[in-house]
C-alpha cells in the first residue's frame, strides 16, 4: 500500500505536468466579431442584398478570415 505522501506527490506531479502541456500549446487566434460582421456584410452586398442568408454569410466570413489569419 502506498503512503499518502507518495500518492500526493504523484498526483501533484501529474498536475504540474498537465499544466506545462497546456501552457506549451500555442493560442489560436480567431477573427473578432466586428471583423466577421464587416466581412459578412460585404458578402451580403456582393450577393445583391438578398435576405435570408445571414448565417451563411456569417459562417463564410468567419471561414475566410480564419484561413487568412493562419496562412
N, C-alpha and C. Protein backbone atom coordinates (compact mmCIF):
# COMPACT_ATOMS: atom_id res chain seq x y z
N UNK A 1 0.84 -1.18 0.00
CA UNK A 1 0.00 0.00 0.00
C UNK A 1 0.89 1.24 0.00
N UNK A 2 0.54 2.22 -0.80
CA UNK A 2 1.35 3.43 -0.90
C UNK A 2 1.02 4.38 0.23
N UNK A 3 2.02 5.15 0.57
CA UNK A 3 1.79 6.15 1.61
C UNK A 3 1.05 7.33 1.01
N UNK A 4 0.37 8.08 1.86
CA UNK A 4 -0.35 9.26 1.39
C UNK A 4 0.59 10.27 0.74
N UNK A 5 1.80 10.36 1.27
CA UNK A 5 2.77 11.30 0.72
C UNK A 5 3.14 10.93 -0.72
N UNK A 6 3.36 9.65 -0.96
CA UNK A 6 3.74 9.19 -2.30
C UNK A 6 2.59 9.43 -3.28
N UNK A 7 1.38 9.17 -2.84
CA UNK A 7 0.22 9.37 -3.69
C UNK A 7 0.05 10.86 -4.00
N UNK A 8 0.18 11.70 -2.97
CA UNK A 8 0.06 13.14 -3.15
C UNK A 8 1.12 13.66 -4.11
N UNK A 9 2.35 13.22 -3.94
CA UNK A 9 3.43 13.67 -4.83
C UNK A 9 3.17 13.23 -6.27
N UNK A 10 2.66 12.03 -6.42
CA UNK A 10 2.39 11.53 -7.77
C UNK A 10 1.27 12.34 -8.44
N UNK A 11 0.20 12.61 -7.69
CA UNK A 11 -0.92 13.40 -8.22
C UNK A 11 -0.45 14.82 -8.52
N UNK A 12 0.27 15.42 -7.60
CA UNK A 12 0.74 16.78 -7.77
C UNK A 12 1.67 16.88 -8.98
N UNK A 13 2.53 15.89 -9.14
CA UNK A 13 3.43 15.85 -10.29
C UNK A 13 2.67 15.79 -11.60
N UNK A 14 1.59 15.03 -11.64
CA UNK A 14 0.77 14.94 -12.85
C UNK A 14 0.10 16.27 -13.14
N UNK A 15 -0.35 16.94 -12.08
CA UNK A 15 -0.99 18.24 -12.27
C UNK A 15 0.00 19.24 -12.88
N UNK A 16 1.21 19.26 -12.36
CA UNK A 16 2.23 20.16 -12.89
C UNK A 16 2.55 19.83 -14.34
N UNK A 17 2.63 18.54 -14.62
CA UNK A 17 2.94 18.10 -15.98
C UNK A 17 1.83 18.52 -16.94
N UNK A 18 0.58 18.34 -16.54
CA UNK A 18 -0.52 18.71 -17.42
C UNK A 18 -0.60 20.23 -17.59
N UNK A 19 -0.28 21.00 -16.55
CA UNK A 19 -0.27 22.45 -16.67
C UNK A 19 0.81 22.90 -17.64
N UNK A 20 1.95 22.25 -17.60
CA UNK A 20 3.04 22.59 -18.51
C UNK A 20 2.63 22.32 -19.95
N UNK A 21 1.90 21.23 -20.19
CA UNK A 21 1.44 20.91 -21.54
C UNK A 21 0.46 21.97 -22.04
N UNK A 22 -0.43 22.39 -21.16
CA UNK A 22 -1.41 23.41 -21.54
C UNK A 22 -0.71 24.70 -21.92
N UNK A 23 0.28 25.10 -21.17
CA UNK A 23 0.99 26.34 -21.45
C UNK A 23 1.79 26.28 -22.74
N UNK A 24 2.23 25.07 -23.12
CA UNK A 24 3.07 24.96 -24.31
C UNK A 24 2.26 24.97 -25.61
N UNK A 25 0.96 24.81 -25.53
CA UNK A 25 0.12 24.84 -26.71
C UNK A 25 -0.05 26.28 -27.17
N UNK A 26 0.14 26.51 -28.45
CA UNK A 26 0.02 27.87 -28.95
C UNK A 26 -1.45 28.28 -28.99
N UNK A 27 -1.67 29.56 -28.80
CA UNK A 27 -3.02 30.09 -28.81
C UNK A 27 -3.47 30.27 -30.26
N UNK A 28 -4.68 29.87 -30.53
CA UNK A 28 -5.25 30.02 -31.86
C UNK A 28 -6.01 31.34 -31.89
N UNK A 29 -5.69 32.17 -32.85
CA UNK A 29 -6.37 33.46 -32.97
C UNK A 29 -7.57 33.30 -33.88
N UNK A 30 -8.66 33.88 -33.44
CA UNK A 30 -9.89 33.90 -34.22
C UNK A 30 -10.21 35.34 -34.57
N UNK A 31 -10.87 35.55 -35.69
CA UNK A 31 -11.25 36.93 -36.03
C UNK A 31 -12.28 37.44 -35.02
N UNK A 32 -12.26 38.73 -34.79
CA UNK A 32 -13.22 39.33 -33.86
C UNK A 32 -14.61 39.34 -34.49
N UNK A 33 -15.61 39.48 -33.66
CA UNK A 33 -16.98 39.56 -34.16
C UNK A 33 -17.14 40.74 -35.12
N UNK A 34 -16.47 41.83 -34.81
CA UNK A 34 -16.57 43.01 -35.68
C UNK A 34 -15.98 42.74 -37.07
N UNK A 35 -14.84 42.05 -37.11
CA UNK A 35 -14.23 41.70 -38.40
C UNK A 35 -15.17 40.80 -39.20
N UNK A 36 -15.74 39.80 -38.52
CA UNK A 36 -16.65 38.87 -39.20
C UNK A 36 -17.91 39.62 -39.66
N UNK A 37 -18.42 40.49 -38.82
CA UNK A 37 -19.62 41.26 -39.16
C UNK A 37 -19.40 42.08 -40.44
N UNK A 38 -18.25 42.75 -40.50
CA UNK A 38 -17.95 43.56 -41.69
C UNK A 38 -17.85 42.71 -42.95
N UNK A 39 -17.12 41.59 -42.83
CA UNK A 39 -16.94 40.72 -44.00
C UNK A 39 -18.27 40.08 -44.41
N UNK A 40 -19.09 39.69 -43.46
CA UNK A 40 -20.40 39.10 -43.77
C UNK A 40 -21.27 40.11 -44.51
N UNK A 41 -21.19 41.36 -44.12
CA UNK A 41 -21.94 42.41 -44.82
C UNK A 41 -21.44 42.57 -46.25
N UNK A 42 -20.13 42.52 -46.42
CA UNK A 42 -19.56 42.61 -47.78
C UNK A 42 -20.07 41.46 -48.65
N UNK A 43 -20.11 40.28 -48.08
CA UNK A 43 -20.61 39.11 -48.83
C UNK A 43 -22.08 39.30 -49.18
N UNK A 44 -22.85 39.80 -48.23
CA UNK A 44 -24.28 40.07 -48.42
C UNK A 44 -24.49 41.06 -49.58
N UNK A 45 -23.73 42.13 -49.58
CA UNK A 45 -23.86 43.15 -50.62
C UNK A 45 -23.43 42.58 -51.97
N UNK A 46 -22.34 41.81 -51.99
CA UNK A 46 -21.84 41.23 -53.24
C UNK A 46 -22.86 40.27 -53.85
N UNK A 47 -23.68 39.63 -53.02
CA UNK A 47 -24.70 38.71 -53.50
C UNK A 47 -25.95 39.46 -53.95
N UNK A 48 -25.96 40.76 -53.83
CA UNK A 48 -27.10 41.55 -54.28
C UNK A 48 -28.06 41.92 -53.16
N UNK A 49 -27.66 41.72 -51.93
CA UNK A 49 -28.50 42.10 -50.80
C UNK A 49 -29.70 41.20 -50.57
N UNK A 50 -29.63 39.98 -51.09
CA UNK A 50 -30.74 39.04 -50.91
C UNK A 50 -30.82 38.64 -49.44
N UNK A 51 -32.02 38.76 -48.88
CA UNK A 51 -32.21 38.44 -47.46
C UNK A 51 -32.35 36.94 -47.24
N UNK A 52 -32.12 36.53 -46.00
CA UNK A 52 -32.34 35.14 -45.62
C UNK A 52 -31.09 34.29 -45.58
N UNK A 53 -29.94 34.89 -45.82
CA UNK A 53 -28.68 34.14 -45.83
C UNK A 53 -27.73 34.63 -44.75
N UNK A 54 -28.29 35.16 -43.67
CA UNK A 54 -27.47 35.75 -42.59
C UNK A 54 -26.43 34.76 -42.07
N UNK A 55 -26.90 33.58 -41.70
CA UNK A 55 -26.00 32.58 -41.12
C UNK A 55 -24.96 32.14 -42.14
N UNK A 56 -25.38 31.92 -43.36
CA UNK A 56 -24.43 31.52 -44.42
C UNK A 56 -23.34 32.58 -44.61
N UNK A 57 -23.77 33.84 -44.64
CA UNK A 57 -22.80 34.94 -44.79
C UNK A 57 -21.83 34.98 -43.62
N UNK A 58 -22.37 34.83 -42.41
CA UNK A 58 -21.54 34.87 -41.19
C UNK A 58 -20.51 33.73 -41.22
N UNK A 59 -20.97 32.53 -41.50
CA UNK A 59 -20.06 31.38 -41.49
C UNK A 59 -19.01 31.48 -42.59
N UNK A 60 -19.40 31.97 -43.76
CA UNK A 60 -18.44 32.15 -44.85
C UNK A 60 -17.39 33.19 -44.47
N UNK A 61 -17.85 34.29 -43.89
CA UNK A 61 -16.92 35.35 -43.47
C UNK A 61 -15.95 34.83 -42.41
N UNK A 62 -16.49 34.11 -41.45
CA UNK A 62 -15.65 33.55 -40.38
C UNK A 62 -14.61 32.59 -40.95
N UNK A 63 -15.03 31.75 -41.86
CA UNK A 63 -14.13 30.79 -42.50
C UNK A 63 -13.02 31.50 -43.27
N UNK A 64 -13.39 32.48 -44.09
CA UNK A 64 -12.40 33.23 -44.88
C UNK A 64 -11.37 33.92 -43.99
N UNK A 65 -11.87 34.61 -42.97
CA UNK A 65 -10.97 35.37 -42.10
C UNK A 65 -10.06 34.45 -41.28
N UNK A 66 -10.58 33.32 -40.83
CA UNK A 66 -9.76 32.38 -40.07
C UNK A 66 -8.66 31.80 -40.95
N UNK A 67 -9.01 31.45 -42.18
CA UNK A 67 -7.99 30.93 -43.11
C UNK A 67 -6.93 31.98 -43.41
N UNK A 68 -7.36 33.22 -43.56
CA UNK A 68 -6.43 34.32 -43.84
C UNK A 68 -5.43 34.51 -42.69
N UNK A 69 -5.92 34.38 -41.47
CA UNK A 69 -5.07 34.55 -40.29
C UNK A 69 -4.00 33.47 -40.22
N UNK A 70 -4.37 32.25 -40.57
CA UNK A 70 -3.48 31.10 -40.38
C UNK A 70 -2.63 30.76 -41.59
N UNK A 71 -2.58 31.62 -42.56
CA UNK A 71 -1.71 31.38 -43.74
C UNK A 71 -0.31 31.78 -43.44
